[in-house]
């Protein structure tokens, strides 16, 4: 697996930030830097608490719910579809997003679902030209060296969401953009079929399906 996806999945597994939204109707608004830092701090605190759950099933379910609370996952799914997003039907986009969410969460849990976060330190918050705010953080992990993670926060219809994350300089959004096209899958129906196959034994799918009916 490429370094970029390893780093991106590591961030997802450590912090667990994926959210719901409708990219076709959502209205982006400017984000206050202090509000963005508070949002990331609160999500980090939740991730630390989830990591203390001793029951594996409960921990994974809580982790999935946490991931479904934070990141603008529909936007990430559209980026992943690439040019196919322009012609895909709304039902197909919805199904792809749901399947893609479960896929990403399962990979994150499998890679680093048991990682314990010791400390989640906030750094600077910088407003980007499009109104998003990039929040710098340092994450101390048990048994491993700290990692630097930058979170891009946006305001959609009054709710803060993570639009992208950069782990040691590697962008999760950039990695997933066009990933399946590069793998040789060129239709949305093909993508849906591939994800259904990947999700046959998905532990995250029941929670995702309930959150994204």
N, C-alpha and C. Protein backbone atom coordinates (compact mmCIF):
# COMPACT_ATOMS: atom_id res chain seq x y z
N UNK A 1 0.84 -1.19 0.00
CA UNK A 1 0.00 0.00 0.00
C UNK A 1 0.88 1.24 0.00
N UNK A 2 0.52 2.27 -0.77
CA UNK A 2 1.36 3.45 -0.91
C UNK A 2 1.49 4.19 0.39
N UNK A 3 2.59 4.95 0.52
CA UNK A 3 2.83 5.71 1.75
C UNK A 3 1.68 6.65 2.03
N UNK A 4 1.16 7.32 1.00
CA UNK A 4 0.11 8.31 1.21
C UNK A 4 -1.11 7.70 1.87
N UNK A 5 -1.55 6.55 1.41
CA UNK A 5 -2.72 5.94 2.01
C UNK A 5 -2.41 5.43 3.40
N UNK A 6 -1.20 4.94 3.63
CA UNK A 6 -0.83 4.52 4.98
C UNK A 6 -0.95 5.68 5.95
N UNK A 7 -0.42 6.81 5.54
CA UNK A 7 -0.46 7.96 6.42
C UNK A 7 -1.87 8.46 6.60
N UNK A 8 -2.67 8.51 5.50
CA UNK A 8 -4.03 8.97 5.61
C UNK A 8 -4.86 8.07 6.48
N UNK A 9 -4.74 6.77 6.32
CA UNK A 9 -5.48 5.82 7.13
C UNK A 9 -5.06 5.91 8.58
N UNK A 10 -3.77 6.15 8.81
CA UNK A 10 -3.30 6.30 10.18
C UNK A 10 -4.02 7.44 10.86
N UNK A 11 -4.18 8.55 10.16
CA UNK A 11 -4.86 9.69 10.75
C UNK A 11 -6.32 9.37 11.04
N UNK A 12 -6.97 8.71 10.10
CA UNK A 12 -8.36 8.34 10.32
C UNK A 12 -8.51 7.43 11.52
N UNK A 13 -7.62 6.46 11.61
CA UNK A 13 -7.72 5.51 12.71
C UNK A 13 -7.43 6.16 14.05
N UNK A 14 -6.52 7.11 14.05
CA UNK A 14 -6.16 7.76 15.30
C UNK A 14 -7.23 8.73 15.77
N UNK A 15 -7.81 9.47 14.86
CA UNK A 15 -8.72 10.52 15.26
C UNK A 15 -10.17 10.19 14.93
N UNK A 16 -10.41 9.46 13.86
CA UNK A 16 -11.76 9.04 13.53
C UNK A 16 -12.67 10.18 13.16
N UNK A 17 -12.47 10.79 12.01
CA UNK A 17 -13.29 11.92 11.64
C UNK A 17 -13.88 11.73 10.24
N UNK A 18 -15.12 11.34 10.16
CA UNK A 18 -15.83 11.27 8.90
C UNK A 18 -17.24 11.76 9.14
N UNK A 19 -17.82 12.51 8.23
CA UNK A 19 -19.13 13.06 8.47
C UNK A 19 -20.06 12.86 7.30
N UNK A 20 -21.31 13.29 7.49
CA UNK A 20 -22.31 13.24 6.45
C UNK A 20 -22.61 14.65 5.98
N UNK A 21 -23.07 14.78 4.75
CA UNK A 21 -23.44 16.07 4.21
C UNK A 21 -23.94 15.87 2.80
N UNK A 22 -24.53 16.89 2.20
CA UNK A 22 -25.00 16.81 0.83
C UNK A 22 -24.26 17.82 0.01
N UNK A 23 -23.24 17.39 -0.77
CA UNK A 23 -22.42 18.34 -1.49
C UNK A 23 -23.17 19.08 -2.57
N UNK A 24 -24.33 18.57 -3.01
CA UNK A 24 -25.06 19.23 -4.07
C UNK A 24 -25.89 20.40 -3.56
N UNK A 25 -26.22 20.40 -2.23
CA UNK A 25 -27.07 21.46 -1.70
C UNK A 25 -26.40 22.24 -0.58
N UNK A 26 -25.28 21.77 -0.06
CA UNK A 26 -24.64 22.43 1.07
C UNK A 26 -24.08 23.78 0.67
N UNK A 27 -24.15 24.73 1.60
CA UNK A 27 -23.64 26.06 1.36
C UNK A 27 -22.44 26.31 2.27
N UNK A 28 -21.28 26.54 1.68
CA UNK A 28 -20.07 26.76 2.46
C UNK A 28 -20.06 28.18 3.01
N UNK A 29 -19.58 28.35 4.23
CA UNK A 29 -19.47 29.64 4.88
C UNK A 29 -18.08 29.76 5.48
N UNK A 30 -17.69 31.00 5.77
CA UNK A 30 -16.38 31.22 6.37
C UNK A 30 -16.32 30.60 7.76
N UNK A 31 -15.12 30.18 8.14
CA UNK A 31 -14.91 29.54 9.44
C UNK A 31 -14.03 30.45 10.30
N UNK A 32 -14.41 30.63 11.55
CA UNK A 32 -13.58 31.38 12.50
C UNK A 32 -12.47 30.47 13.00
N UNK A 33 -11.21 30.92 12.98
CA UNK A 33 -10.09 30.07 13.42
C UNK A 33 -10.27 29.50 14.82
N UNK A 34 -10.76 30.30 15.76
CA UNK A 34 -10.94 29.80 17.12
C UNK A 34 -12.00 28.70 17.16
N UNK A 35 -13.05 28.84 16.36
CA UNK A 35 -14.10 27.82 16.32
C UNK A 35 -13.56 26.53 15.72
N UNK A 36 -12.72 26.66 14.69
CA UNK A 36 -12.13 25.47 14.07
C UNK A 36 -11.23 24.73 15.05
N UNK A 37 -10.43 25.48 15.83
CA UNK A 37 -9.56 24.84 16.82
C UNK A 37 -10.38 24.15 17.91
N UNK A 38 -11.46 24.78 18.34
CA UNK A 38 -12.32 24.18 19.36
C UNK A 38 -12.94 22.89 18.84
N UNK A 39 -13.37 22.90 17.61
CA UNK A 39 -13.98 21.72 16.99
C UNK A 39 -12.99 20.56 16.93
N UNK A 40 -11.77 20.83 16.47
CA UNK A 40 -10.76 19.78 16.37
C UNK A 40 -10.37 19.29 17.77
N UNK A 41 -10.27 20.19 18.72
CA UNK A 41 -9.93 19.79 20.09
C UNK A 41 -10.99 18.86 20.68
N UNK A 42 -12.25 19.19 20.46
CA UNK A 42 -13.33 18.35 20.99
C UNK A 42 -13.35 16.97 20.34
N UNK A 43 -13.10 16.91 19.03
CA UNK A 43 -13.06 15.62 18.35
C UNK A 43 -11.86 14.79 18.83
N UNK A 44 -10.75 15.47 19.09
CA UNK A 44 -9.59 14.78 19.63
C UNK A 44 -9.86 14.19 21.00
N UNK A 45 -10.55 14.95 21.85
CA UNK A 45 -10.91 14.45 23.18
C UNK A 45 -11.81 13.22 23.08
N UNK A 46 -12.73 13.24 22.14
CA UNK A 46 -13.61 12.08 21.94
C UNK A 46 -12.82 10.86 21.48
N UNK A 47 -11.84 11.08 20.61
CA UNK A 47 -11.02 9.96 20.13
C UNK A 47 -10.24 9.33 21.27
N UNK A 48 -9.70 10.15 22.15
CA UNK A 48 -8.97 9.63 23.31
C UNK A 48 -9.90 8.78 24.17
N UNK A 49 -11.12 9.27 24.39
CA UNK A 49 -12.09 8.53 25.22
C UNK A 49 -12.48 7.20 24.57
N UNK A 50 -12.70 7.20 23.26
CA UNK A 50 -13.06 5.96 22.57
C UNK A 50 -11.95 4.93 22.70
N UNK A 51 -10.71 5.38 22.65
CA UNK A 51 -9.57 4.47 22.74
C UNK A 51 -9.48 3.75 24.07
N UNK A 52 -10.17 4.25 25.08
CA UNK A 52 -10.14 3.63 26.40
C UNK A 52 -11.20 2.54 26.57
N UNK A 53 -12.09 2.40 25.59
CA UNK A 53 -13.12 1.35 25.65
C UNK A 53 -12.46 -0.02 25.52
N UNK A 54 -12.74 -0.91 26.44
CA UNK A 54 -12.08 -2.22 26.47
C UNK A 54 -12.80 -3.28 25.65
N UNK A 55 -14.09 -3.10 25.40
CA UNK A 55 -14.83 -4.06 24.59
C UNK A 55 -14.59 -3.77 23.12
N UNK A 56 -13.98 -4.71 22.37
CA UNK A 56 -13.62 -4.44 20.97
C UNK A 56 -14.81 -4.04 20.09
N UNK A 57 -15.94 -4.72 20.25
CA UNK A 57 -17.11 -4.40 19.42
C UNK A 57 -17.63 -3.01 19.73
N UNK A 58 -17.74 -2.70 21.02
CA UNK A 58 -18.20 -1.38 21.42
C UNK A 58 -17.23 -0.29 20.96
N UNK A 59 -15.91 -0.58 21.09
CA UNK A 59 -14.92 0.41 20.68
C UNK A 59 -15.03 0.68 19.18
N UNK A 60 -15.17 -0.38 18.38
CA UNK A 60 -15.27 -0.20 16.94
C UNK A 60 -16.54 0.55 16.54
N UNK A 61 -17.65 0.25 17.23
CA UNK A 61 -18.89 0.95 16.93
C UNK A 61 -18.80 2.43 17.30
N UNK A 62 -18.20 2.70 18.47
CA UNK A 62 -18.03 4.10 18.88
C UNK A 62 -17.07 4.83 17.94
N UNK A 63 -16.05 4.12 17.52
CA UNK A 63 -15.09 4.69 16.59
C UNK A 63 -15.75 5.04 15.27
N UNK A 64 -16.61 4.13 14.78
CA UNK A 64 -17.33 4.38 13.53
C UNK A 64 -18.24 5.59 13.65
N UNK A 65 -18.97 5.68 14.78
CA UNK A 65 -19.85 6.83 14.99
C UNK A 65 -19.06 8.13 15.07
N UNK A 66 -17.90 8.07 15.70
CA UNK A 66 -17.05 9.25 15.78
C UNK A 66 -16.61 9.68 14.39
N UNK A 67 -16.23 8.72 13.57
CA UNK A 67 -15.82 9.04 12.21
C UNK A 67 -16.97 9.61 11.39
N UNK A 68 -18.19 9.18 11.70
CA UNK A 68 -19.36 9.67 10.99
C UNK A 68 -19.83 11.02 11.50
N UNK A 69 -19.16 11.57 12.48
CA UNK A 69 -19.56 12.86 13.05
C UNK A 69 -18.73 14.04 12.54
N UNK A 70 -17.55 13.78 12.01
CA UNK A 70 -16.63 14.89 11.81
C UNK A 70 -16.25 15.30 10.41
N UNK A 71 -15.94 14.35 9.54
CA UNK A 71 -15.37 14.70 8.24
C UNK A 71 -16.43 14.81 7.15
N UNK A 72 -16.24 15.72 6.22
CA UNK A 72 -17.17 15.89 5.09
C UNK A 72 -16.96 14.73 4.12
N UNK A 73 -17.51 13.59 4.48
CA UNK A 73 -17.21 12.37 3.76
C UNK A 73 -17.84 12.34 2.38
N UNK A 74 -19.00 12.96 2.21
CA UNK A 74 -19.60 13.01 0.87
C UNK A 74 -18.71 13.77 -0.09
N UNK A 75 -18.09 14.84 0.38
CA UNK A 75 -17.18 15.59 -0.47
C UNK A 75 -15.98 14.74 -0.87
N UNK A 76 -15.48 13.96 0.07
CA UNK A 76 -14.37 13.05 -0.23
C UNK A 76 -14.79 12.00 -1.24
N UNK A 77 -16.03 11.49 -1.11
CA UNK A 77 -16.51 10.49 -2.05
C UNK A 77 -16.62 11.05 -3.45
N UNK A 78 -17.11 12.30 -3.58
CA UNK A 78 -17.21 12.93 -4.89
C UNK A 78 -15.83 13.11 -5.52
N UNK A 79 -14.85 13.51 -4.68
CA UNK A 79 -13.49 13.64 -5.17
C UNK A 79 -12.94 12.30 -5.64
N UNK A 80 -13.30 11.25 -4.93
CA UNK A 80 -12.84 9.91 -5.28
C UNK A 80 -13.45 9.47 -6.61
N UNK A 81 -14.69 9.83 -6.85
CA UNK A 81 -15.33 9.49 -8.12
C UNK A 81 -14.66 10.20 -9.30
N UNK A 82 -14.04 11.34 -9.05
CA UNK A 82 -13.39 12.06 -10.12
C UNK A 82 -14.39 12.53 -11.16
N UNK A 83 -14.05 12.42 -12.43
CA UNK A 83 -14.93 12.90 -13.49
C UNK A 83 -16.24 12.11 -13.57
N UNK A 84 -16.28 10.92 -13.01
CA UNK A 84 -17.51 10.13 -13.04
C UNK A 84 -18.61 10.78 -12.20
N UNK A 85 -18.24 11.63 -11.25
CA UNK A 85 -19.23 12.29 -10.40
C UNK A 85 -20.15 13.19 -11.20
N UNK A 86 -19.68 13.70 -12.36
CA UNK A 86 -20.48 14.64 -13.15
C UNK A 86 -21.67 13.96 -13.80
N UNK A 87 -21.58 12.67 -14.06
CA UNK A 87 -22.66 11.97 -14.77
C UNK A 87 -23.37 10.93 -13.91
N UNK A 88 -22.89 10.68 -12.71
CA UNK A 88 -23.51 9.69 -11.84
C UNK A 88 -24.87 10.17 -11.34
N UNK A 89 -25.82 9.25 -11.24
CA UNK A 89 -27.14 9.60 -10.71
C UNK A 89 -27.03 9.83 -9.21
N UNK A 90 -28.00 10.56 -8.64
CA UNK A 90 -27.99 10.81 -7.21
C UNK A 90 -28.10 9.51 -6.39
N UNK A 91 -28.96 8.55 -6.79
CA UNK A 91 -28.99 7.28 -6.05
C UNK A 91 -27.64 6.55 -6.07
N UNK A 92 -26.95 6.57 -7.22
CA UNK A 92 -25.65 5.91 -7.31
C UNK A 92 -24.61 6.62 -6.44
N UNK A 93 -24.64 7.95 -6.44
CA UNK A 93 -23.72 8.70 -5.59
C UNK A 93 -23.95 8.36 -4.11
N UNK A 94 -25.22 8.27 -3.74
CA UNK A 94 -25.57 7.98 -2.36
C UNK A 94 -25.09 6.59 -1.96
N UNK A 95 -25.31 5.60 -2.85
CA UNK A 95 -24.88 4.24 -2.54
C UNK A 95 -23.36 4.15 -2.50
N UNK A 96 -22.70 4.81 -3.44
CA UNK A 96 -21.25 4.79 -3.46
C UNK A 96 -20.69 5.40 -2.18
N UNK A 97 -21.26 6.53 -1.74
CA UNK A 97 -20.77 7.20 -0.54
C UNK A 97 -20.91 6.32 0.68
N UNK A 98 -22.05 5.65 0.81
CA UNK A 98 -22.28 4.76 1.95
C UNK A 98 -21.28 3.60 1.95
N UNK A 99 -21.10 2.97 0.81
CA UNK A 99 -20.16 1.85 0.71
C UNK A 99 -18.72 2.31 0.93
N UNK A 100 -18.40 3.48 0.39
CA UNK A 100 -17.05 4.01 0.53
C UNK A 100 -16.74 4.35 1.98
N UNK A 101 -17.74 4.89 2.70
CA UNK A 101 -17.55 5.20 4.11
C UNK A 101 -17.20 3.94 4.89
N UNK A 102 -17.96 2.88 4.68
CA UNK A 102 -17.70 1.63 5.40
C UNK A 102 -16.33 1.08 5.05
N UNK A 103 -15.95 1.18 3.79
CA UNK A 103 -14.64 0.68 3.34
C UNK A 103 -13.51 1.42 4.05
N UNK A 104 -13.57 2.74 4.05
CA UNK A 104 -12.51 3.54 4.67
C UNK A 104 -12.43 3.27 6.18
N UNK A 105 -13.58 3.19 6.82
CA UNK A 105 -13.60 2.96 8.27
C UNK A 105 -13.02 1.59 8.60
N UNK A 106 -13.41 0.57 7.85
CA UNK A 106 -12.89 -0.78 8.10
C UNK A 106 -11.37 -0.84 7.94
N UNK A 107 -10.86 -0.19 6.90
CA UNK A 107 -9.41 -0.17 6.68
C UNK A 107 -8.72 0.54 7.85
N UNK A 108 -9.31 1.66 8.29
CA UNK A 108 -8.72 2.41 9.40
C UNK A 108 -8.69 1.58 10.68
N UNK A 109 -9.80 0.90 10.98
CA UNK A 109 -9.86 0.09 12.19
C UNK A 109 -8.87 -1.06 12.12
N UNK A 110 -8.77 -1.70 10.95
CA UNK A 110 -7.86 -2.83 10.80
C UNK A 110 -6.41 -2.40 10.98
N UNK A 111 -6.08 -1.19 10.53
CA UNK A 111 -4.69 -0.72 10.60
C UNK A 111 -4.31 -0.24 11.99
N UNK A 112 -5.15 0.63 12.55
CA UNK A 112 -4.75 1.29 13.79
C UNK A 112 -5.88 1.45 14.78
N UNK A 113 -6.88 0.56 14.71
CA UNK A 113 -8.03 0.69 15.58
C UNK A 113 -7.71 0.55 17.05
N UNK A 114 -6.59 -0.09 17.40
CA UNK A 114 -6.24 -0.28 18.80
C UNK A 114 -5.19 0.71 19.29
N UNK A 115 -4.84 1.65 18.43
CA UNK A 115 -3.83 2.63 18.82
C UNK A 115 -4.36 3.55 19.93
N UNK A 116 -3.57 3.75 20.95
CA UNK A 116 -3.96 4.63 22.06
C UNK A 116 -3.31 5.99 21.89
N UNK A 117 -4.11 7.03 21.97
CA UNK A 117 -3.62 8.40 21.87
C UNK A 117 -3.36 8.92 23.28
N UNK A 118 -2.13 9.34 23.52
CA UNK A 118 -1.79 9.88 24.84
C UNK A 118 -2.11 11.37 24.96
N UNK A 119 -1.87 12.09 23.88
CA UNK A 119 -2.07 13.54 23.94
C UNK A 119 -2.38 14.08 22.56
N UNK A 120 -3.27 15.06 22.51
CA UNK A 120 -3.69 15.69 21.26
C UNK A 120 -3.43 17.18 21.40
N UNK A 121 -2.30 17.66 20.87
CA UNK A 121 -1.88 19.04 21.08
C UNK A 121 -2.23 19.92 19.89
N UNK A 122 -2.90 21.05 20.17
CA UNK A 122 -3.27 22.00 19.12
C UNK A 122 -2.13 22.96 18.83
N UNK A 123 -2.01 23.32 17.54
CA UNK A 123 -1.03 24.31 17.13
C UNK A 123 -1.74 25.52 16.54
N UNK A 124 -1.19 26.06 15.47
CA UNK A 124 -1.74 27.26 14.84
C UNK A 124 -2.97 26.92 14.01
N UNK A 125 -3.80 27.94 13.76
CA UNK A 125 -4.95 27.83 12.87
C UNK A 125 -4.85 28.95 11.84
N UNK A 126 -4.86 28.58 10.55
CA UNK A 126 -4.66 29.56 9.48
C UNK A 126 -5.83 29.52 8.51
N UNK A 127 -6.38 30.69 8.21
CA UNK A 127 -7.48 30.77 7.26
C UNK A 127 -6.95 30.63 5.84
N UNK A 128 -7.56 29.74 5.07
CA UNK A 128 -7.18 29.50 3.68
C UNK A 128 -7.93 30.47 2.76
N UNK A 129 -7.46 30.65 1.51
CA UNK A 129 -8.12 31.60 0.59
C UNK A 129 -9.60 31.33 0.36
N UNK A 130 -10.03 30.06 0.44
CA UNK A 130 -11.44 29.75 0.20
C UNK A 130 -12.30 29.86 1.46
N UNK A 131 -11.72 30.29 2.59
CA UNK A 131 -12.48 30.45 3.82
C UNK A 131 -12.36 29.29 4.78
N UNK A 132 -11.80 28.15 4.33
CA UNK A 132 -11.54 27.04 5.23
C UNK A 132 -10.42 27.45 6.20
N UNK A 133 -10.32 26.71 7.30
CA UNK A 133 -9.24 26.95 8.26
C UNK A 133 -8.43 25.67 8.42
N UNK A 134 -7.12 25.78 8.29
CA UNK A 134 -6.23 24.65 8.50
C UNK A 134 -5.70 24.70 9.93
N UNK A 135 -5.99 23.64 10.69
CA UNK A 135 -5.58 23.56 12.09
C UNK A 135 -4.43 22.56 12.22
N UNK A 136 -3.31 23.01 12.77
CA UNK A 136 -2.15 22.15 12.98
C UNK A 136 -2.27 21.44 14.32
N UNK A 137 -1.95 20.13 14.34
CA UNK A 137 -1.96 19.38 15.60
C UNK A 137 -0.76 18.45 15.65
N UNK A 138 -0.41 18.06 16.86
CA UNK A 138 0.60 17.03 17.10
C UNK A 138 -0.05 15.96 17.96
N UNK A 139 0.08 14.71 17.52
CA UNK A 139 -0.60 13.60 18.18
C UNK A 139 0.44 12.65 18.77
N UNK A 140 0.41 12.52 20.10
CA UNK A 140 1.32 11.60 20.79
C UNK A 140 0.63 10.25 20.94
N UNK A 141 1.28 9.19 20.42
CA UNK A 141 0.71 7.85 20.45
C UNK A 141 1.52 6.94 21.37
N UNK A 142 0.82 6.03 22.03
CA UNK A 142 1.49 5.08 22.90
C UNK A 142 2.36 4.14 22.07
N UNK A 143 3.64 4.04 22.43
CA UNK A 143 4.53 3.12 21.75
C UNK A 143 5.01 3.55 20.39
N UNK A 144 4.78 4.80 20.01
CA UNK A 144 5.22 5.26 18.70
C UNK A 144 5.53 6.75 18.78
N UNK A 145 6.22 7.26 17.77
CA UNK A 145 6.58 8.67 17.78
C UNK A 145 5.37 9.54 17.44
N UNK A 146 5.35 10.79 17.89
CA UNK A 146 4.25 11.69 17.56
C UNK A 146 4.17 11.94 16.06
N UNK A 147 2.98 12.26 15.58
CA UNK A 147 2.82 12.61 14.17
C UNK A 147 2.17 13.99 14.07
N UNK A 148 2.49 14.68 12.99
CA UNK A 148 1.92 15.99 12.70
C UNK A 148 0.74 15.83 11.75
N UNK A 149 -0.42 16.30 12.17
CA UNK A 149 -1.62 16.20 11.34
C UNK A 149 -2.24 17.58 11.21
N UNK A 150 -2.50 18.01 9.97
CA UNK A 150 -3.18 19.27 9.70
C UNK A 150 -4.60 18.97 9.24
N UNK A 151 -5.57 19.64 9.85
CA UNK A 151 -6.98 19.42 9.54
C UNK A 151 -7.53 20.64 8.82
N UNK A 152 -8.19 20.41 7.69
CA UNK A 152 -8.84 21.51 6.97
C UNK A 152 -10.32 21.51 7.35
N UNK A 153 -10.75 22.55 8.03
CA UNK A 153 -12.11 22.63 8.57
C UNK A 153 -12.93 23.62 7.75
N UNK A 154 -14.17 23.22 7.42
CA UNK A 154 -15.07 24.13 6.72
C UNK A 154 -16.41 24.18 7.43
N UNK A 155 -17.16 25.22 7.13
CA UNK A 155 -18.49 25.42 7.69
C UNK A 155 -19.51 25.16 6.59
N UNK A 156 -20.34 24.16 6.79
CA UNK A 156 -21.38 23.85 5.81
C UNK A 156 -22.74 23.91 6.50
N UNK A 157 -23.54 24.87 6.08
CA UNK A 157 -24.88 25.04 6.66
C UNK A 157 -24.84 25.11 8.18
N UNK A 158 -23.84 25.82 8.70
CA UNK A 158 -23.76 26.05 10.14
C UNK A 158 -23.06 24.97 10.93
N UNK A 159 -22.57 23.94 10.27
CA UNK A 159 -21.88 22.85 10.96
C UNK A 159 -20.44 22.76 10.48
N UNK A 160 -19.51 22.61 11.43
CA UNK A 160 -18.11 22.46 11.07
C UNK A 160 -17.82 21.02 10.68
N UNK A 161 -17.08 20.84 9.60
CA UNK A 161 -16.71 19.52 9.10
C UNK A 161 -15.25 19.55 8.65
N UNK A 162 -14.61 18.41 8.71
CA UNK A 162 -13.25 18.29 8.20
C UNK A 162 -13.32 17.93 6.72
N UNK A 163 -12.73 18.77 5.89
CA UNK A 163 -12.76 18.61 4.44
C UNK A 163 -11.56 17.83 3.93
N UNK A 164 -10.47 17.82 4.69
CA UNK A 164 -9.25 17.10 4.29
C UNK A 164 -8.32 17.05 5.50
N UNK A 165 -7.38 16.13 5.46
CA UNK A 165 -6.34 16.06 6.47
C UNK A 165 -5.01 15.79 5.80
N UNK A 166 -3.97 16.35 6.33
CA UNK A 166 -2.62 16.11 5.84
C UNK A 166 -1.80 15.52 6.97
N UNK A 167 -1.23 14.33 6.73
CA UNK A 167 -0.42 13.65 7.74
C UNK A 167 1.02 13.65 7.26
N UNK A 168 1.87 14.38 8.00
CA UNK A 168 3.27 14.52 7.60
C UNK A 168 3.38 14.96 6.14
N UNK A 169 2.45 15.84 5.72
CA UNK A 169 2.49 16.40 4.37
C UNK A 169 1.70 15.64 3.33
N UNK A 170 1.16 14.47 3.65
CA UNK A 170 0.40 13.68 2.69
C UNK A 170 -1.09 13.95 2.86
N UNK A 171 -1.76 14.36 1.78
CA UNK A 171 -3.17 14.71 1.81
C UNK A 171 -4.05 13.48 1.55
N UNK A 172 -5.00 13.24 2.46
CA UNK A 172 -5.94 12.13 2.27
C UNK A 172 -6.80 12.37 1.04
N UNK A 173 -7.29 13.59 0.89
CA UNK A 173 -8.16 13.91 -0.24
C UNK A 173 -7.43 13.71 -1.57
N UNK A 174 -6.19 14.17 -1.64
CA UNK A 174 -5.42 14.02 -2.87
C UNK A 174 -5.21 12.55 -3.20
N UNK A 175 -4.96 11.74 -2.18
CA UNK A 175 -4.73 10.32 -2.44
C UNK A 175 -5.97 9.66 -3.03
N UNK A 176 -7.13 9.92 -2.42
CA UNK A 176 -8.33 9.21 -2.86
C UNK A 176 -8.89 9.74 -4.17
N UNK A 177 -8.57 10.99 -4.54
CA UNK A 177 -9.10 11.55 -5.77
C UNK A 177 -8.66 10.71 -6.97
N UNK A 178 -9.63 10.13 -7.65
CA UNK A 178 -9.34 9.33 -8.84
C UNK A 178 -8.70 7.98 -8.56
N UNK A 179 -8.71 7.53 -7.29
CA UNK A 179 -8.02 6.28 -6.95
C UNK A 179 -8.56 5.09 -7.75
N UNK A 180 -9.88 4.98 -7.85
CA UNK A 180 -10.44 3.82 -8.54
C UNK A 180 -10.26 3.91 -10.05
N UNK A 181 -10.24 5.14 -10.58
CA UNK A 181 -9.94 5.28 -12.01
C UNK A 181 -8.53 4.76 -12.30
N UNK A 182 -7.60 5.08 -11.42
CA UNK A 182 -6.23 4.60 -11.61
C UNK A 182 -6.15 3.08 -11.49
N UNK A 183 -7.10 2.51 -10.75
CA UNK A 183 -7.12 1.06 -10.58
C UNK A 183 -7.82 0.37 -11.75
N UNK A 184 -8.32 1.15 -12.71
CA UNK A 184 -8.93 0.56 -13.89
C UNK A 184 -10.43 0.39 -13.84
N UNK A 185 -11.09 0.93 -12.82
CA UNK A 185 -12.55 0.87 -12.74
C UNK A 185 -13.09 2.19 -13.27
N UNK A 186 -13.84 2.14 -14.36
CA UNK A 186 -14.18 3.38 -15.07
C UNK A 186 -15.66 3.72 -15.07
N UNK A 187 -16.50 2.96 -14.36
CA UNK A 187 -17.92 3.26 -14.28
C UNK A 187 -18.36 3.26 -12.82
N UNK A 188 -19.40 4.04 -12.52
CA UNK A 188 -19.90 4.10 -11.15
C UNK A 188 -20.46 2.75 -10.72
N UNK A 189 -21.16 2.08 -11.64
CA UNK A 189 -21.69 0.76 -11.30
C UNK A 189 -20.56 -0.22 -10.99
N UNK A 190 -19.45 -0.08 -11.72
CA UNK A 190 -18.28 -0.92 -11.45
C UNK A 190 -17.69 -0.62 -10.08
N UNK A 191 -17.65 0.65 -9.72
CA UNK A 191 -17.15 1.04 -8.41
C UNK A 191 -18.03 0.49 -7.29
N UNK A 192 -19.33 0.62 -7.49
CA UNK A 192 -20.27 0.11 -6.48
C UNK A 192 -20.11 -1.40 -6.32
N UNK A 193 -19.98 -2.10 -7.44
CA UNK A 193 -19.78 -3.55 -7.36
C UNK A 193 -18.50 -3.92 -6.65
N UNK A 194 -17.43 -3.17 -6.93
CA UNK A 194 -16.15 -3.44 -6.28
C UNK A 194 -16.24 -3.20 -4.77
N UNK A 195 -16.90 -2.11 -4.37
CA UNK A 195 -17.02 -1.82 -2.95
C UNK A 195 -17.93 -2.82 -2.24
N UNK A 196 -18.97 -3.27 -2.91
CA UNK A 196 -19.83 -4.30 -2.31
C UNK A 196 -19.02 -5.56 -2.02
N UNK A 197 -18.14 -5.90 -2.95
CA UNK A 197 -17.29 -7.07 -2.75
C UNK A 197 -16.34 -6.85 -1.59
N UNK A 198 -15.74 -5.65 -1.50
CA UNK A 198 -14.82 -5.34 -0.42
C UNK A 198 -15.51 -5.30 0.93
N UNK A 199 -16.81 -4.98 0.93
CA UNK A 199 -17.55 -4.81 2.17
C UNK A 199 -18.35 -6.04 2.60
N UNK A 200 -18.07 -7.18 2.00
CA UNK A 200 -18.84 -8.39 2.32
C UNK A 200 -18.82 -8.70 3.81
N UNK A 201 -17.70 -8.49 4.44
CA UNK A 201 -17.57 -8.79 5.87
C UNK A 201 -17.33 -7.51 6.68
N UNK A 202 -17.90 -6.42 6.23
CA UNK A 202 -17.67 -5.13 6.87
C UNK A 202 -18.27 -5.06 8.26
N UNK A 203 -17.43 -4.72 9.24
CA UNK A 203 -17.92 -4.51 10.60
C UNK A 203 -18.56 -3.14 10.75
N UNK A 204 -18.13 -2.19 9.93
CA UNK A 204 -18.65 -0.82 10.02
C UNK A 204 -19.97 -0.64 9.31
N UNK A 205 -20.28 -1.50 8.34
CA UNK A 205 -21.43 -1.29 7.48
C UNK A 205 -22.75 -1.15 8.23
N UNK A 206 -23.06 -1.95 9.25
CA UNK A 206 -24.34 -1.77 9.94
C UNK A 206 -24.51 -0.37 10.55
N UNK A 207 -23.44 0.13 11.15
CA UNK A 207 -23.51 1.47 11.76
C UNK A 207 -23.61 2.54 10.66
N UNK A 208 -22.83 2.37 9.60
CA UNK A 208 -22.86 3.33 8.48
C UNK A 208 -24.23 3.34 7.81
N UNK A 209 -24.80 2.16 7.57
CA UNK A 209 -26.10 2.06 6.91
C UNK A 209 -27.19 2.72 7.73
N UNK A 210 -27.10 2.63 9.05
CA UNK A 210 -28.08 3.28 9.91
C UNK A 210 -27.94 4.79 9.86
N UNK A 211 -26.72 5.27 9.79
CA UNK A 211 -26.47 6.71 9.76
C UNK A 211 -26.71 7.29 8.37
N UNK A 212 -26.57 6.48 7.34
CA UNK A 212 -26.71 6.94 5.96
C UNK A 212 -27.73 6.07 5.23
N UNK A 213 -29.01 6.14 5.61
CA UNK A 213 -30.03 5.25 5.00
C UNK A 213 -30.27 5.58 3.53
